[in-house]
Structures are given as C-alpha cells and as structure tokens.
Amino acid sequence: MDEDSRAPFTSLRRLATAEQACARCTLYRDATQAVPGEGPSGATFMLIGEQPGDKEDLAGKPFVGPAGRILDQALHDAGIARGDVFVTNAVKHFKHEMRGKRRLHKRPNTYEIDRCRIWLDGERKLVKPAVIIALGVTAARGVTGKAVIITKIRGKTLSLADSTKLFVTVHPSSLLRIEDEDEKHNAYRQFVADLKKAAAAV
C-alpha cells in the first residue's frame, strides 16, 4: 500500500479509493471503512476534524453526526456557504473501544495521525483551498506535523509553507460536552467568531 500511496492522485475519487485500501496503521482493522473528505474540488475552505465518529464510520461520510450538525449551523451563522467548504478529518478511520455494545471514541495517537497525513496532504493538493480551518489539536497536528496548544494560536492567522492561511479552533464536539447552557452559548459564539475571522481572510 505504501508504494501506491506515493503515486500522485489525479482526482478526489481516486484518492478516496486508495484510502479504502489503506493499512498504514492498524485502525482499519476495527473500522467499518475509511471516511474520505467530501466537498467540491477547488473549495475555498477546507475544514479538518479529528477522525470519523460512530455515525460517520457507518455512513462513510464526514460530519454527519451531532458535531456535524453544530458545524453546519456555525458555518451558516458565520456566513460561509456549505458549497464553498471541503470537510475532512486528519485520521480517516474511526478509533474506538467497546463499552458493552457501544463504540466509544478514542483520540488518535501521534503515530496514527502522522501515518494518515499522506491522505490529508493529497486532499490539500487536489482541493487547493485558500483557507484551512483545523478543528482541534489532532487536526492541527495533521496539518502542521507538530504538536500545538489551541489556546496559544486560536484566533491567529497562520501561514503555511504553500501560503495557505491556517486557522485553528476547537472541535465542535467539545461544545456537546458543555453542560452549563450559558457556558455552551458563549463557547458557540466564540466558535462562530473563529469561523467569521477565517471567512474574512479570503
């Protein structure tokens, strides 16, 4: 698989097909399928999450679960058209542990993120977004190849080696874990503000 994955891909469809055969780390063994990115080639924005969740693993599509619904609403509130967005994840297979009959999310480790980076780089080369929005530390590592601290770079406009602008914010799933309604509302407003800043950079 490694030899094939070094070949240049001429379309997102061919890239997605190659991802389905990926065995670069062990996550493919317990996942239903790889979940490739989705959206138009030439999208202005690329939004990168951590990994597929349970719903995404079953559907084969990114951000179709509860976090995806929050993301869709936040994009709307930030004035970003969904048609201008390519959504994907830093890791393409669902990492989880069984708790009874439930599959509970587990955060990908550094090795898994780095082994999956070839697919993220392939998506970037094909889509050529003007702005990348990394949702959480795993996504930021997938883009930059290094560990980041969200609080230190959130709200800043970063520039990648290819001149693509990078913004780092929280993953929308973090909002789901906030129990206090006022705190959740404020966190959502800040999340939308981050997206608005990214939109203004275009």
N, C-alpha and C. Protein backbone atom coordinates (compact mmCIF):
# COMPACT_ATOMS: atom_id res chain seq x y z
N MET A 1 0.83 -1.21 0.00
CA MET A 1 0.00 0.00 0.00
C MET A 1 0.85 1.25 0.00
N ASP A 2 2.01 1.20 0.66
CA ASP A 2 2.84 2.40 0.74
C ASP A 2 3.32 2.84 -0.64
N GLU A 3 3.66 1.87 -1.51
CA GLU A 3 4.12 2.24 -2.83
C GLU A 3 3.02 2.94 -3.62
N ASP A 4 1.79 2.40 -3.55
CA ASP A 4 0.68 3.01 -4.26
C ASP A 4 0.37 4.40 -3.71
N SER A 5 0.50 4.56 -2.38
CA SER A 5 0.12 5.82 -1.76
C SER A 5 1.09 6.94 -2.09
N ARG A 6 2.26 6.58 -2.62
CA ARG A 6 3.21 7.64 -3.01
C ARG A 6 2.92 8.16 -4.41
N ALA A 7 2.11 7.44 -5.18
CA ALA A 7 1.80 7.87 -6.54
C ALA A 7 0.88 9.09 -6.49
N PRO A 8 1.04 10.01 -7.45
CA PRO A 8 0.16 11.19 -7.45
C PRO A 8 -1.27 10.80 -7.81
N PHE A 9 -2.22 11.43 -7.16
CA PHE A 9 -3.62 11.15 -7.45
C PHE A 9 -4.19 12.30 -8.27
N THR A 10 -4.96 11.95 -9.28
CA THR A 10 -5.46 12.97 -10.20
C THR A 10 -6.89 13.40 -9.89
N SER A 11 -7.53 12.73 -8.94
CA SER A 11 -8.89 13.12 -8.57
C SER A 11 -9.17 12.71 -7.14
N LEU A 12 -10.14 13.37 -6.55
CA LEU A 12 -10.55 13.03 -5.19
C LEU A 12 -11.16 11.64 -5.13
N ARG A 13 -11.81 11.22 -6.20
CA ARG A 13 -12.41 9.89 -6.23
C ARG A 13 -11.33 8.81 -6.17
N ARG A 14 -10.26 8.99 -6.93
CA ARG A 14 -9.17 8.01 -6.91
C ARG A 14 -8.46 8.02 -5.56
N LEU A 15 -8.33 9.18 -4.99
CA LEU A 15 -7.72 9.28 -3.66
C LEU A 15 -8.57 8.54 -2.64
N ALA A 16 -9.88 8.73 -2.70
CA ALA A 16 -10.78 8.06 -1.76
C ALA A 16 -10.72 6.54 -1.92
N THR A 17 -10.59 6.07 -3.16
CA THR A 17 -10.48 4.63 -3.40
C THR A 17 -9.21 4.08 -2.76
N ALA A 18 -8.12 4.81 -2.89
CA ALA A 18 -6.86 4.38 -2.28
C ALA A 18 -6.96 4.37 -0.76
N GLU A 19 -7.67 5.33 -0.19
CA GLU A 19 -7.83 5.39 1.26
C GLU A 19 -8.54 4.14 1.79
N GLN A 20 -9.48 3.61 1.01
CA GLN A 20 -10.22 2.43 1.44
C GLN A 20 -9.32 1.20 1.57
N ALA A 21 -8.21 1.21 0.85
CA ALA A 21 -7.28 0.07 0.91
C ALA A 21 -6.12 0.32 1.87
N CYS A 22 -6.18 1.42 2.61
CA CYS A 22 -5.05 1.81 3.46
C CYS A 22 -4.88 0.88 4.66
N ALA A 23 -3.62 0.49 4.86
CA ALA A 23 -3.26 -0.30 6.05
C ALA A 23 -1.97 0.26 6.65
N ARG A 24 -1.82 1.57 6.57
CA ARG A 24 -0.60 2.23 7.05
C ARG A 24 -0.48 2.20 8.57
N CYS A 25 -1.62 2.07 9.25
CA CYS A 25 -1.62 1.81 10.69
C CYS A 25 -2.69 0.77 10.95
N THR A 26 -2.95 0.43 12.19
CA THR A 26 -3.86 -0.69 12.49
C THR A 26 -5.33 -0.28 12.63
N LEU A 27 -5.65 0.99 12.51
CA LEU A 27 -7.02 1.43 12.77
C LEU A 27 -8.03 0.83 11.79
N TYR A 28 -7.58 0.49 10.59
CA TYR A 28 -8.50 -0.06 9.59
C TYR A 28 -9.12 -1.39 10.04
N ARG A 29 -8.45 -2.09 10.95
CA ARG A 29 -8.91 -3.43 11.34
C ARG A 29 -10.27 -3.41 12.03
N ASP A 30 -10.53 -2.39 12.83
CA ASP A 30 -11.77 -2.34 13.60
C ASP A 30 -12.79 -1.34 13.07
N ALA A 31 -12.41 -0.57 12.06
CA ALA A 31 -13.34 0.40 11.49
C ALA A 31 -14.18 -0.26 10.40
N THR A 32 -15.36 0.29 10.15
CA THR A 32 -16.22 -0.21 9.09
C THR A 32 -15.61 0.09 7.73
N GLN A 33 -15.03 1.29 7.60
CA GLN A 33 -14.49 1.76 6.34
C GLN A 33 -13.69 3.02 6.59
N ALA A 34 -12.89 3.40 5.61
CA ALA A 34 -12.26 4.72 5.66
C ALA A 34 -13.32 5.76 5.31
N VAL A 35 -13.17 6.95 5.88
CA VAL A 35 -14.12 8.03 5.58
C VAL A 35 -13.34 9.16 4.91
N PRO A 36 -13.41 9.26 3.60
CA PRO A 36 -12.68 10.30 2.89
C PRO A 36 -13.33 11.66 3.06
N GLY A 37 -12.61 12.70 2.67
CA GLY A 37 -13.17 14.03 2.71
C GLY A 37 -14.28 14.18 1.69
N GLU A 38 -15.07 15.23 1.86
CA GLU A 38 -16.22 15.44 0.99
C GLU A 38 -16.40 16.92 0.71
N GLY A 39 -16.68 17.23 -0.53
CA GLY A 39 -16.88 18.62 -0.92
C GLY A 39 -16.32 18.86 -2.31
N PRO A 40 -16.49 20.06 -2.81
CA PRO A 40 -16.04 20.35 -4.17
C PRO A 40 -14.53 20.50 -4.29
N SER A 41 -13.99 20.00 -5.39
CA SER A 41 -12.60 20.28 -5.70
C SER A 41 -12.52 21.77 -6.03
N GLY A 42 -11.57 22.45 -5.47
CA GLY A 42 -11.50 23.89 -5.65
C GLY A 42 -12.26 24.67 -4.60
N ALA A 43 -12.67 24.00 -3.53
CA ALA A 43 -13.38 24.69 -2.44
C ALA A 43 -12.49 25.76 -1.82
N THR A 44 -13.09 26.86 -1.43
CA THR A 44 -12.34 27.95 -0.81
C THR A 44 -11.81 27.55 0.57
N PHE A 45 -12.64 26.82 1.31
CA PHE A 45 -12.31 26.45 2.68
C PHE A 45 -12.15 24.93 2.81
N MET A 46 -11.15 24.52 3.57
CA MET A 46 -11.03 23.13 3.96
C MET A 46 -11.13 23.07 5.48
N LEU A 47 -12.13 22.36 5.98
CA LEU A 47 -12.30 22.17 7.41
C LEU A 47 -11.84 20.78 7.78
N ILE A 48 -10.94 20.68 8.73
CA ILE A 48 -10.36 19.41 9.10
C ILE A 48 -10.70 19.07 10.54
N GLY A 49 -11.35 17.94 10.74
CA GLY A 49 -11.66 17.46 12.07
C GLY A 49 -10.64 16.44 12.54
N GLU A 50 -10.98 15.73 13.59
CA GLU A 50 -10.05 14.77 14.17
C GLU A 50 -10.10 13.43 13.45
N GLN A 51 -11.24 12.78 13.51
CA GLN A 51 -11.44 11.46 12.91
C GLN A 51 -12.94 11.23 12.77
N PRO A 52 -13.35 10.22 11.99
CA PRO A 52 -14.78 9.91 11.94
C PRO A 52 -15.27 9.44 13.30
N GLY A 53 -16.53 9.74 13.58
CA GLY A 53 -17.17 9.20 14.77
C GLY A 53 -17.96 7.96 14.40
N ASP A 54 -18.77 7.47 15.32
CA ASP A 54 -19.55 6.26 15.08
C ASP A 54 -20.48 6.42 13.88
N LYS A 55 -21.21 7.53 13.82
CA LYS A 55 -22.16 7.76 12.73
C LYS A 55 -21.42 7.89 11.39
N GLU A 56 -20.28 8.58 11.40
CA GLU A 56 -19.52 8.78 10.18
C GLU A 56 -18.91 7.47 9.67
N ASP A 57 -18.46 6.65 10.60
CA ASP A 57 -17.89 5.36 10.25
C ASP A 57 -18.91 4.48 9.54
N LEU A 58 -20.14 4.52 10.00
CA LEU A 58 -21.20 3.71 9.40
C LEU A 58 -21.67 4.28 8.07
N ALA A 59 -21.73 5.61 7.99
CA ALA A 59 -22.25 6.26 6.77
C ALA A 59 -21.18 6.43 5.69
N GLY A 60 -19.91 6.45 6.09
CA GLY A 60 -18.84 6.69 5.12
C GLY A 60 -18.72 8.13 4.71
N LYS A 61 -19.31 9.03 5.50
CA LYS A 61 -19.28 10.46 5.19
C LYS A 61 -18.85 11.24 6.44
N PRO A 62 -18.08 12.32 6.26
CA PRO A 62 -17.62 13.10 7.42
C PRO A 62 -18.70 14.03 7.96
N PHE A 63 -18.67 14.24 9.27
CA PHE A 63 -19.51 15.23 9.95
C PHE A 63 -21.00 15.06 9.68
N VAL A 64 -21.50 13.84 9.86
CA VAL A 64 -22.94 13.62 9.72
C VAL A 64 -23.62 13.39 11.06
N GLY A 65 -22.84 13.36 12.15
CA GLY A 65 -23.38 13.15 13.48
C GLY A 65 -23.71 14.46 14.19
N PRO A 66 -23.85 14.42 15.51
CA PRO A 66 -24.19 15.63 16.29
C PRO A 66 -23.19 16.78 16.11
N ALA A 67 -21.89 16.47 16.08
CA ALA A 67 -20.89 17.53 15.88
C ALA A 67 -21.04 18.15 14.51
N GLY A 68 -21.43 17.35 13.53
CA GLY A 68 -21.63 17.86 12.18
C GLY A 68 -22.80 18.83 12.11
N ARG A 69 -23.84 18.56 12.89
CA ARG A 69 -24.99 19.47 12.91
C ARG A 69 -24.61 20.82 13.51
N ILE A 70 -23.79 20.79 14.56
CA ILE A 70 -23.31 22.04 15.14
C ILE A 70 -22.44 22.79 14.13
N LEU A 71 -21.58 22.06 13.44
CA LEU A 71 -20.70 22.68 12.44
C LEU A 71 -21.52 23.33 11.33
N ASP A 72 -22.52 22.64 10.83
CA ASP A 72 -23.35 23.19 9.76
C ASP A 72 -24.02 24.49 10.20
N GLN A 73 -24.56 24.51 11.42
CA GLN A 73 -25.21 25.71 11.93
C GLN A 73 -24.20 26.84 12.10
N ALA A 74 -23.01 26.51 12.62
CA ALA A 74 -21.99 27.53 12.83
C ALA A 74 -21.50 28.11 11.51
N LEU A 75 -21.35 27.27 10.50
CA LEU A 75 -20.96 27.78 9.17
C LEU A 75 -22.02 28.74 8.64
N HIS A 76 -23.28 28.37 8.81
CA HIS A 76 -24.37 29.25 8.37
C HIS A 76 -24.33 30.57 9.12
N ASP A 77 -24.14 30.51 10.43
CA ASP A 77 -24.11 31.73 11.24
C ASP A 77 -22.88 32.59 10.94
N ALA A 78 -21.82 31.95 10.44
CA ALA A 78 -20.60 32.69 10.11
C ALA A 78 -20.62 33.23 8.67
N GLY A 79 -21.68 32.89 7.94
CA GLY A 79 -21.80 33.38 6.57
C GLY A 79 -20.95 32.61 5.57
N ILE A 80 -20.61 31.37 5.89
CA ILE A 80 -19.81 30.53 4.98
C ILE A 80 -20.75 29.55 4.30
N ALA A 81 -20.82 29.62 2.98
CA ALA A 81 -21.69 28.73 2.21
C ALA A 81 -21.14 27.32 2.25
N ARG A 82 -22.02 26.35 2.51
CA ARG A 82 -21.58 24.95 2.61
C ARG A 82 -20.95 24.48 1.31
N GLY A 83 -21.39 25.05 0.19
CA GLY A 83 -20.83 24.69 -1.11
C GLY A 83 -19.42 25.16 -1.33
N ASP A 84 -18.94 26.05 -0.45
CA ASP A 84 -17.56 26.55 -0.54
C ASP A 84 -16.62 25.79 0.39
N VAL A 85 -17.11 24.68 0.96
CA VAL A 85 -16.36 24.00 2.02
C VAL A 85 -16.08 22.54 1.65
N PHE A 86 -14.84 22.13 1.86
CA PHE A 86 -14.47 20.73 1.78
C PHE A 86 -14.20 20.28 3.21
N VAL A 87 -14.91 19.24 3.67
CA VAL A 87 -14.75 18.78 5.05
C VAL A 87 -14.06 17.42 5.05
N THR A 88 -13.14 17.25 5.97
CA THR A 88 -12.40 16.01 6.06
C THR A 88 -11.90 15.82 7.49
N ASN A 89 -11.10 14.79 7.70
CA ASN A 89 -10.53 14.52 9.01
C ASN A 89 -9.05 14.21 8.89
N ALA A 90 -8.32 14.48 9.95
CA ALA A 90 -6.88 14.20 9.96
C ALA A 90 -6.62 12.71 9.90
N VAL A 91 -7.50 11.92 10.53
CA VAL A 91 -7.41 10.46 10.53
C VAL A 91 -8.67 9.92 9.87
N LYS A 92 -8.51 8.98 8.96
CA LYS A 92 -9.64 8.54 8.13
C LYS A 92 -10.42 7.35 8.68
N HIS A 93 -9.88 6.65 9.67
CA HIS A 93 -10.60 5.52 10.26
C HIS A 93 -11.02 5.85 11.69
N PHE A 94 -12.14 5.28 12.12
CA PHE A 94 -12.70 5.52 13.44
C PHE A 94 -11.94 4.71 14.49
N LYS A 95 -11.30 5.40 15.43
CA LYS A 95 -10.63 4.74 16.53
C LYS A 95 -11.56 4.72 17.73
N HIS A 96 -11.78 3.53 18.28
CA HIS A 96 -12.75 3.42 19.37
C HIS A 96 -12.43 2.23 20.25
N GLU A 97 -13.15 2.16 21.36
CA GLU A 97 -13.11 1.00 22.24
C GLU A 97 -14.54 0.58 22.53
N MET A 98 -14.74 -0.70 22.74
CA MET A 98 -16.08 -1.19 23.01
C MET A 98 -16.42 -1.02 24.49
N ARG A 99 -17.60 -0.50 24.78
CA ARG A 99 -18.13 -0.40 26.13
C ARG A 99 -19.52 -1.04 26.09
N GLY A 100 -19.56 -2.34 26.38
CA GLY A 100 -20.79 -3.07 26.16
C GLY A 100 -20.99 -3.20 24.65
N LYS A 101 -22.14 -2.71 24.17
CA LYS A 101 -22.39 -2.72 22.72
C LYS A 101 -22.06 -1.39 22.06
N ARG A 102 -21.64 -0.42 22.86
CA ARG A 102 -21.35 0.91 22.33
C ARG A 102 -19.89 1.02 21.91
N ARG A 103 -19.66 1.79 20.85
CA ARG A 103 -18.31 2.07 20.39
C ARG A 103 -17.95 3.49 20.83
N LEU A 104 -17.06 3.61 21.77
CA LEU A 104 -16.69 4.91 22.32
C LEU A 104 -15.43 5.45 21.66
N HIS A 105 -15.49 6.70 21.31
CA HIS A 105 -14.37 7.39 20.65
C HIS A 105 -13.09 7.33 21.48
N LYS A 106 -11.96 7.11 20.80
CA LYS A 106 -10.64 7.23 21.41
C LYS A 106 -9.80 8.16 20.54
N ARG A 107 -9.07 9.04 21.17
CA ARG A 107 -8.27 10.01 20.40
C ARG A 107 -7.12 9.31 19.69
N PRO A 108 -6.90 9.61 18.41
CA PRO A 108 -5.76 9.03 17.69
C PRO A 108 -4.44 9.48 18.31
N ASN A 109 -3.46 8.60 18.28
CA ASN A 109 -2.15 8.97 18.80
C ASN A 109 -1.29 9.61 17.71
N THR A 110 -0.12 10.08 18.10
CA THR A 110 0.76 10.79 17.17
C THR A 110 1.13 9.93 15.97
N TYR A 111 1.44 8.67 16.21
CA TYR A 111 1.82 7.77 15.12
C TYR A 111 0.69 7.64 14.10
N GLU A 112 -0.53 7.47 14.58
CA GLU A 112 -1.68 7.29 13.69
C GLU A 112 -1.96 8.56 12.90
N ILE A 113 -1.82 9.70 13.54
CA ILE A 113 -2.02 10.97 12.84
C ILE A 113 -0.98 11.14 11.74
N ASP A 114 0.26 10.86 12.07
CA ASP A 114 1.34 11.06 11.11
C ASP A 114 1.27 10.06 9.95
N ARG A 115 0.85 8.83 10.23
CA ARG A 115 0.73 7.83 9.16
C ARG A 115 -0.41 8.18 8.20
N CYS A 116 -1.41 8.87 8.71
CA CYS A 116 -2.57 9.23 7.89
C CYS A 116 -2.36 10.55 7.15
N ARG A 117 -1.30 11.23 7.45
CA ARG A 117 -1.10 12.58 6.91
C ARG A 117 -0.98 12.58 5.38
N ILE A 118 -0.54 11.46 4.83
CA ILE A 118 -0.38 11.38 3.37
C ILE A 118 -1.72 11.63 2.65
N TRP A 119 -2.81 11.17 3.25
CA TRP A 119 -4.13 11.35 2.63
C TRP A 119 -4.59 12.80 2.76
N LEU A 120 -4.33 13.39 3.90
CA LEU A 120 -4.69 14.79 4.09
C LEU A 120 -3.89 15.67 3.14
N ASP A 121 -2.62 15.38 2.98
CA ASP A 121 -1.79 16.14 2.03
C ASP A 121 -2.32 15.97 0.61
N GLY A 122 -2.77 14.76 0.28
CA GLY A 122 -3.33 14.53 -1.05
C GLY A 122 -4.58 15.34 -1.30
N GLU A 123 -5.44 15.42 -0.28
CA GLU A 123 -6.65 16.24 -0.41
C GLU A 123 -6.30 17.70 -0.58
N ARG A 124 -5.33 18.17 0.17
CA ARG A 124 -4.92 19.57 0.06
C ARG A 124 -4.40 19.90 -1.34
N LYS A 125 -3.64 19.00 -1.91
CA LYS A 125 -3.07 19.24 -3.24
C LYS A 125 -4.16 19.28 -4.31
N LEU A 126 -5.18 18.47 -4.14
CA LEU A 126 -6.25 18.42 -5.14
C LEU A 126 -7.26 19.57 -4.97
N VAL A 127 -7.59 19.89 -3.73
CA VAL A 127 -8.60 20.93 -3.48
C VAL A 127 -8.00 22.34 -3.60
N LYS A 128 -6.76 22.49 -3.13
CA LYS A 128 -6.07 23.79 -3.12
C LYS A 128 -6.92 24.88 -2.45
N PRO A 129 -7.28 24.68 -1.19
CA PRO A 129 -8.10 25.69 -0.51
C PRO A 129 -7.31 26.95 -0.22
N ALA A 130 -8.01 28.06 -0.16
CA ALA A 130 -7.36 29.32 0.22
C ALA A 130 -7.16 29.37 1.73
N VAL A 131 -8.08 28.74 2.46
CA VAL A 131 -8.06 28.78 3.92
C VAL A 131 -8.30 27.37 4.47
N ILE A 132 -7.50 26.98 5.43
CA ILE A 132 -7.71 25.74 6.16
C ILE A 132 -8.11 26.08 7.58
N ILE A 133 -9.16 25.44 8.07
CA ILE A 133 -9.59 25.60 9.44
C ILE A 133 -9.42 24.26 10.13
N ALA A 134 -8.49 24.19 11.07
CA ALA A 134 -8.23 22.96 11.82
C ALA A 134 -9.07 22.96 13.09
N LEU A 135 -9.88 21.93 13.24
CA LEU A 135 -10.79 21.82 14.37
C LEU A 135 -10.18 20.91 15.43
N GLY A 136 -9.43 21.50 16.36
CA GLY A 136 -8.84 20.73 17.44
C GLY A 136 -7.37 20.39 17.23
N VAL A 137 -6.76 19.83 18.27
CA VAL A 137 -5.31 19.59 18.25
C VAL A 137 -4.91 18.49 17.28
N THR A 138 -5.74 17.46 17.13
CA THR A 138 -5.41 16.40 16.19
C THR A 138 -5.39 16.93 14.77
N ALA A 139 -6.38 17.73 14.42
CA ALA A 139 -6.42 18.33 13.08
C ALA A 139 -5.22 19.25 12.86
N ALA A 140 -4.88 20.04 13.87
CA ALA A 140 -3.74 20.94 13.75
C ALA A 140 -2.44 20.17 13.54
N ARG A 141 -2.30 19.06 14.25
CA ARG A 141 -1.11 18.22 14.06
C ARG A 141 -1.09 17.62 12.65
N GLY A 142 -2.25 17.20 12.17
CA GLY A 142 -2.32 16.65 10.83
C GLY A 142 -1.89 17.63 9.76
N VAL A 143 -2.19 18.89 9.98
CA VAL A 143 -1.82 19.93 9.01
C VAL A 143 -0.36 20.33 9.15
N THR A 144 0.08 20.58 10.37
CA THR A 144 1.41 21.17 10.59
C THR A 144 2.50 20.14 10.83
N GLY A 145 2.11 18.93 11.24
CA GLY A 145 3.11 17.91 11.55
C GLY A 145 3.75 18.07 12.91
N LYS A 146 3.19 18.94 13.73
CA LYS A 146 3.75 19.14 15.07
C LYS A 146 2.64 19.40 16.08
N ALA A 147 2.99 19.23 17.34
CA ALA A 147 2.02 19.46 18.41
C ALA A 147 1.76 20.95 18.56
N VAL A 148 0.51 21.30 18.84
CA VAL A 148 0.14 22.69 19.05
C VAL A 148 -0.70 22.81 20.31
N ILE A 149 -0.74 24.01 20.86
CA ILE A 149 -1.61 24.30 22.00
C ILE A 149 -2.67 25.28 21.51
N ILE A 150 -3.91 24.82 21.51
CA ILE A 150 -5.01 25.60 20.93
C ILE A 150 -5.06 27.02 21.50
N THR A 151 -4.95 27.14 22.80
CA THR A 151 -5.11 28.46 23.43
C THR A 151 -4.03 29.45 22.99
N LYS A 152 -2.89 28.95 22.53
CA LYS A 152 -1.81 29.85 22.12
C LYS A 152 -1.97 30.36 20.70
N ILE A 153 -2.66 29.60 19.85
CA ILE A 153 -2.76 30.01 18.44
C ILE A 153 -4.20 30.27 17.98
N ARG A 154 -5.17 30.01 18.84
CA ARG A 154 -6.56 30.26 18.46
C ARG A 154 -6.77 31.74 18.18
N GLY A 155 -7.43 32.04 17.08
CA GLY A 155 -7.71 33.42 16.72
C GLY A 155 -6.63 34.08 15.90
N LYS A 156 -5.50 33.39 15.72
CA LYS A 156 -4.40 33.96 14.94
C LYS A 156 -4.46 33.46 13.50
N THR A 157 -3.99 34.30 12.59
CA THR A 157 -3.88 33.92 11.19
C THR A 157 -2.48 33.38 10.96
N LEU A 158 -2.39 32.10 10.65
CA LEU A 158 -1.11 31.45 10.41
C LEU A 158 -0.93 31.22 8.92
N SER A 159 0.30 31.16 8.47
CA SER A 159 0.57 30.93 7.06
C SER A 159 1.41 29.67 6.90
N LEU A 160 0.94 28.76 6.04
CA LEU A 160 1.65 27.52 5.78
C LEU A 160 2.70 27.73 4.69
N ALA A 161 3.52 26.71 4.47
CA ALA A 161 4.63 26.83 3.52
C ALA A 161 4.15 27.15 2.11
N ASP A 162 2.95 26.67 1.75
CA ASP A 162 2.42 26.93 0.40
C ASP A 162 1.56 28.19 0.36
N SER A 163 1.65 29.00 1.41
CA SER A 163 0.93 30.29 1.53
C SER A 163 -0.55 30.13 1.86
N THR A 164 -1.01 28.91 2.06
CA THR A 164 -2.39 28.72 2.53
C THR A 164 -2.52 29.28 3.93
N LYS A 165 -3.63 29.96 4.20
CA LYS A 165 -3.86 30.51 5.53
C LYS A 165 -4.47 29.43 6.42
N LEU A 166 -3.99 29.36 7.64
CA LEU A 166 -4.45 28.35 8.59
C LEU A 166 -5.03 29.03 9.82
N PHE A 167 -6.21 28.56 10.22
CA PHE A 167 -6.83 28.98 11.47
C PHE A 167 -7.08 27.74 12.31
N VAL A 168 -6.81 27.84 13.59
CA VAL A 168 -7.02 26.71 14.49
C VAL A 168 -8.06 27.10 15.54
N THR A 169 -9.05 26.25 15.69
CA THR A 169 -10.09 26.49 16.69
C THR A 169 -10.45 25.15 17.34
N VAL A 170 -11.48 25.15 18.14
CA VAL A 170 -11.88 23.92 18.83
C VAL A 170 -12.67 23.03 17.89
N HIS A 171 -12.79 21.76 18.25
CA HIS A 171 -13.66 20.85 17.50
C HIS A 171 -15.08 21.05 18.00
N PRO A 172 -16.06 21.06 17.10
CA PRO A 172 -17.45 21.29 17.56
C PRO A 172 -17.95 20.26 18.56
N SER A 173 -17.35 19.07 18.59
CA SER A 173 -17.77 18.07 19.57
C SER A 173 -17.51 18.54 21.00
N SER A 174 -16.54 19.44 21.18
CA SER A 174 -16.25 19.95 22.52
C SER A 174 -17.44 20.74 23.07
N LEU A 175 -18.23 21.34 22.19
CA LEU A 175 -19.39 22.10 22.62
C LEU A 175 -20.48 21.16 23.17
N LEU A 176 -20.51 19.95 22.63
CA LEU A 176 -21.52 18.99 23.08
C LEU A 176 -21.29 18.54 24.52
N ARG A 177 -20.06 18.67 24.96
CA ARG A 177 -19.71 18.19 26.30
C ARG A 177 -19.93 19.24 27.39
N ILE A 178 -20.29 20.47 27.00
CA ILE A 178 -20.52 21.53 27.97
C ILE A 178 -21.96 21.43 28.49
N GLU A 179 -22.11 21.29 29.78
CA GLU A 179 -23.44 21.10 30.36
C GLU A 179 -24.14 22.41 30.69
N ASP A 180 -23.38 23.41 31.16
CA ASP A 180 -23.99 24.69 31.50
C ASP A 180 -24.42 25.42 30.23
N GLU A 181 -25.67 25.82 30.16
CA GLU A 181 -26.22 26.40 28.95
C GLU A 181 -25.57 27.74 28.60
N ASP A 182 -25.33 28.59 29.60
CA ASP A 182 -24.69 29.88 29.33
C ASP A 182 -23.27 29.67 28.81
N GLU A 183 -22.57 28.74 29.43
CA GLU A 183 -21.19 28.45 29.00
C GLU A 183 -21.19 27.88 27.58
N LYS A 184 -22.15 27.02 27.31
CA LYS A 184 -22.24 26.43 25.97
C LYS A 184 -22.55 27.50 24.92
N HIS A 185 -23.45 28.42 25.26
CA HIS A 185 -23.80 29.51 24.34
C HIS A 185 -22.59 30.38 24.04
N ASN A 186 -21.84 30.72 25.07
CA ASN A 186 -20.65 31.56 24.89
C ASN A 186 -19.58 30.84 24.07
N ALA A 187 -19.43 29.55 24.31
CA ALA A 187 -18.45 28.78 23.55
C ALA A 187 -18.85 28.70 22.08
N TYR A 188 -20.14 28.56 21.83
CA TYR A 188 -20.63 28.53 20.45
C TYR A 188 -20.37 29.87 19.76
N ARG A 189 -20.66 30.96 20.46
CA ARG A 189 -20.43 32.29 19.88
C ARG A 189 -18.96 32.48 19.53
N GLN A 190 -18.08 32.01 20.39
CA GLN A 190 -16.65 32.14 20.11
C GLN A 190 -16.24 31.28 18.91
N PHE A 191 -16.84 30.10 18.81
CA PHE A 191 -16.57 29.22 17.68
C PHE A 191 -17.00 29.88 16.37
N VAL A 192 -18.18 30.47 16.36
CA VAL A 192 -18.66 31.18 15.17
C VAL A 192 -17.75 32.36 14.85
N ALA A 193 -17.29 33.07 15.87
CA ALA A 193 -16.38 34.19 15.67
C ALA A 193 -15.08 33.73 15.01
N ASP A 194 -14.59 32.55 15.40
CA ASP A 194 -13.40 31.99 14.77
C ASP A 194 -13.64 31.74 13.29
N LEU A 195 -14.79 31.19 12.96
CA LEU A 195 -15.13 30.91 11.56
C LEU A 195 -15.28 32.20 10.77
N LYS A 196 -15.86 33.21 11.39
CA LYS A 196 -16.00 34.51 10.71
C LYS A 196 -14.65 35.13 10.39
N LYS A 197 -13.70 34.98 11.32
CA LYS A 197 -12.37 35.50 11.07
C LYS A 197 -11.69 34.79 9.91
N ALA A 198 -11.91 33.49 9.82
CA ALA A 198 -11.36 32.73 8.70
C ALA A 198 -12.02 33.16 7.38
N ALA A 199 -13.32 33.40 7.43
CA ALA A 199 -14.03 33.84 6.22
C ALA A 199 -13.53 35.20 5.75
N ALA A 200 -13.22 36.07 6.71
CA ALA A 200 -12.74 37.41 6.37
C ALA A 200 -11.36 37.40 5.74
N ALA A 201 -10.64 36.29 5.90
CA ALA A 201 -9.28 36.21 5.38
C ALA A 201 -9.24 35.92 3.88
N VAL A 202 -10.38 35.55 3.32
CA VAL A 202 -10.41 35.22 1.89
C VAL A 202 -10.38 36.50 1.07
